[in-house]
Amino acid sequence: MVGWRPPIIFLISGLSLLILGILAMAGGISAVRQKRFGLSLAGAICALGSGLLGILAVIFVALGKREFRDEGLSGI
């Protein structure tokens, strides 16, 4: 088995899961800080692959929309 390489599908799926995980963590941090609703919701949607916890994340972020500060373009 000299020179055996894993199939390219492993690389593609691994990188996809890495990107989804990073987005989910960024959205979680944004949700804890109550800064950006859009990023928080995107992070919760990226966490849907984790099963029940992802579904609960989407529900709780959507229900807590009024708790987020709207920065808009004032942060520029």
C-alpha atoms as a PDB file:
ATOM      1  CA  MET A   1       0.000   0.000   0.000  1.00  0.00           C
ATOM      2  CA  VAL A   2       2.827   2.361  -0.787  1.00  0.00           C
ATOM      3  CA  GLY A   3       1.548   5.691  -2.014  1.00  0.00           C
ATOM      4  CA  TRP A   4      -2.078   5.119  -0.970  1.00  0.00           C
ATOM      5  CA  ARG A   5      -4.108   8.322  -0.924  1.00  0.00           C
ATOM      6  CA  PRO A   6      -7.607   8.727   0.446  1.00  0.00           C
ATOM      7  CA  PRO A   7     -10.316   9.418  -2.137  1.00  0.00           C
ATOM      8  CA  ILE A   8     -10.950  13.064  -2.966  1.00  0.00           C
ATOM      9  CA  ILE A   9     -14.477  12.803  -1.508  1.00  0.00           C
ATOM     10  CA  PHE A  10     -12.969  12.571   1.983  1.00  0.00           C
ATOM     11  CA  LEU A  11     -11.083  15.809   1.413  1.00  0.00           C
ATOM     12  CA  ILE A  12     -14.125  17.610   0.051  1.00  0.00           C
ATOM     13  CA  SER A  13     -16.453  16.443   2.835  1.00  0.00           C
ATOM     14  CA  GLY A  14     -13.859  17.170   5.501  1.00  0.00           C
ATOM     15  CA  LEU A  15     -13.299  20.722   4.276  1.00  0.00           C
ATOM     16  CA  SER A  16     -17.059  21.280   4.008  1.00  0.00           C
ATOM     17  CA  LEU A  17     -17.581  20.154   7.595  1.00  0.00           C
ATOM     18  CA  LEU A  18     -14.675  22.336   8.738  1.00  0.00           C
ATOM     19  CA  ILE A  19     -16.185  25.417   7.094  1.00  0.00           C
ATOM     20  CA  LEU A  20     -19.651  24.656   8.522  1.00  0.00           C
ATOM     21  CA  GLY A  21     -18.105  24.194  11.967  1.00  0.00           C
ATOM     22  CA  ILE A  22     -16.275  27.518  11.798  1.00  0.00           C
ATOM     23  CA  LEU A  23     -19.464  29.299  10.722  1.00  0.00           C
ATOM     24  CA  ALA A  24     -21.407  27.611  13.511  1.00  0.00           C
ATOM     25  CA  MET A  25     -18.837  28.728  16.103  1.00  0.00           C
ATOM     26  CA  ALA A  26     -18.802  32.290  14.762  1.00  0.00           C
ATOM     27  CA  GLY A  27     -22.612  32.351  14.892  1.00  0.00           C
ATOM     28  CA  GLY A  28     -22.582  31.008  18.447  1.00  0.00           C
ATOM     29  CA  ILE A  29     -20.165  33.698  19.565  1.00  0.00           C
ATOM     30  CA  SER A  30     -22.316  36.328  17.861  1.00  0.00           C
ATOM     31  CA  ALA A  31     -25.424  34.958  19.582  1.00  0.00           C
ATOM     32  CA  VAL A  32     -23.809  35.044  23.022  1.00  0.00           C
ATOM     33  CA  ARG A  33     -22.722  38.647  22.449  1.00  0.00           C
ATOM     34  CA  GLN A  34     -26.164  39.485  20.980  1.00  0.00           C
ATOM     35  CA  LYS A  35     -24.533  41.428  18.173  1.00  0.00           C
ATOM     36  CA  ARG A  36     -25.559  40.212  14.702  1.00  0.00           C
ATOM     37  CA  PHE A  37     -28.806  38.348  14.226  1.00  0.00           C
ATOM     38  CA  GLY A  38     -28.016  37.284  10.672  1.00  0.00           C
ATOM     39  CA  LEU A  39     -24.680  35.719  11.586  1.00  0.00           C
ATOM     40  CA  SER A  40     -26.228  34.036  14.607  1.00  0.00           C
ATOM     41  CA  LEU A  41     -29.006  32.529  12.525  1.00  0.00           C
ATOM     42  CA  ALA A  42     -26.541  31.418   9.831  1.00  0.00           C
ATOM     43  CA  GLY A  43     -24.438  29.735  12.503  1.00  0.00           C
ATOM     44  CA  ALA A  44     -27.475  27.971  13.891  1.00  0.00           C
ATOM     45  CA  ILE A  45     -28.419  26.761  10.417  1.00  0.00           C
ATOM     46  CA  CYS A  46     -24.870  25.452   9.906  1.00  0.00           C
ATOM     47  CA  ALA A  47     -25.277  23.510  13.157  1.00  0.00           C
ATOM     48  CA  LEU A  48     -28.376  21.701  11.862  1.00  0.00           C
ATOM     49  CA  GLY A  49     -26.228  18.734  10.913  1.00  0.00           C
ATOM     50  CA  SER A  50     -25.624  17.988  14.583  1.00  0.00           C
ATOM     51  CA  GLY A  51     -29.223  16.861  15.010  1.00  0.00           C
ATOM     52  CA  LEU A  52     -31.483  17.940  17.849  1.00  0.00           C
ATOM     53  CA  LEU A  53     -29.120  20.596  19.191  1.00  0.00           C
ATOM     54  CA  GLY A  54     -28.968  22.275  15.792  1.00  0.00           C
ATOM     55  CA  ILE A  55     -32.748  22.356  15.544  1.00  0.00           C
ATOM     56  CA  LEU A  56     -32.974  23.856  19.032  1.00  0.00           C
ATOM     57  CA  ALA A  57     -30.326  26.437  18.114  1.00  0.00           C
ATOM     58  CA  VAL A  58     -32.354  27.641  15.131  1.00  0.00           C
ATOM     59  CA  ILE A  59     -35.528  27.818  17.214  1.00  0.00           C
ATOM     60  CA  PHE A  60     -33.942  29.718  20.100  1.00  0.00           C
ATOM     61  CA  VAL A  61     -32.093  32.190  17.882  1.00  0.00           C
ATOM     62  CA  ALA A  62     -35.249  32.869  15.884  1.00  0.00           C
ATOM     63  CA  LEU A  63     -37.315  33.370  19.061  1.00  0.00           C
ATOM     64  CA  GLY A  64     -34.708  35.730  20.519  1.00  0.00           C
ATOM     65  CA  LYS A  65     -34.549  38.063  17.521  1.00  0.00           C
ATOM     66  CA  ARG A  66     -35.749  41.048  19.558  1.00  0.00           C
ATOM     67  CA  GLU A  67     -32.833  40.642  21.970  1.00  0.00           C
ATOM     68  CA  PHE A  68     -30.203  41.451  19.336  1.00  0.00           C
ATOM     69  CA  ARG A  69     -28.800  44.937  18.926  1.00  0.00           C
ATOM     70  CA  ASP A  70     -29.268  46.300  15.438  1.00  0.00           C
ATOM     71  CA  GLU A  71     -25.915  47.753  14.462  1.00  0.00           C
ATOM     72  CA  GLY A  72     -26.838  48.465  10.869  1.00  0.00           C
ATOM     73  CA  LEU A  73     -24.396  50.802   9.171  1.00  0.00           C
ATOM     74  CA  SER A  74     -23.691  52.816  12.312  1.00  0.00           C
ATOM     75  CA  GLY A  75     -20.676  50.620  13.080  1.00  0.00           C
ATOM     76  CA  ILE A  76     -18.780  51.916  10.030  1.00  0.00           C
END
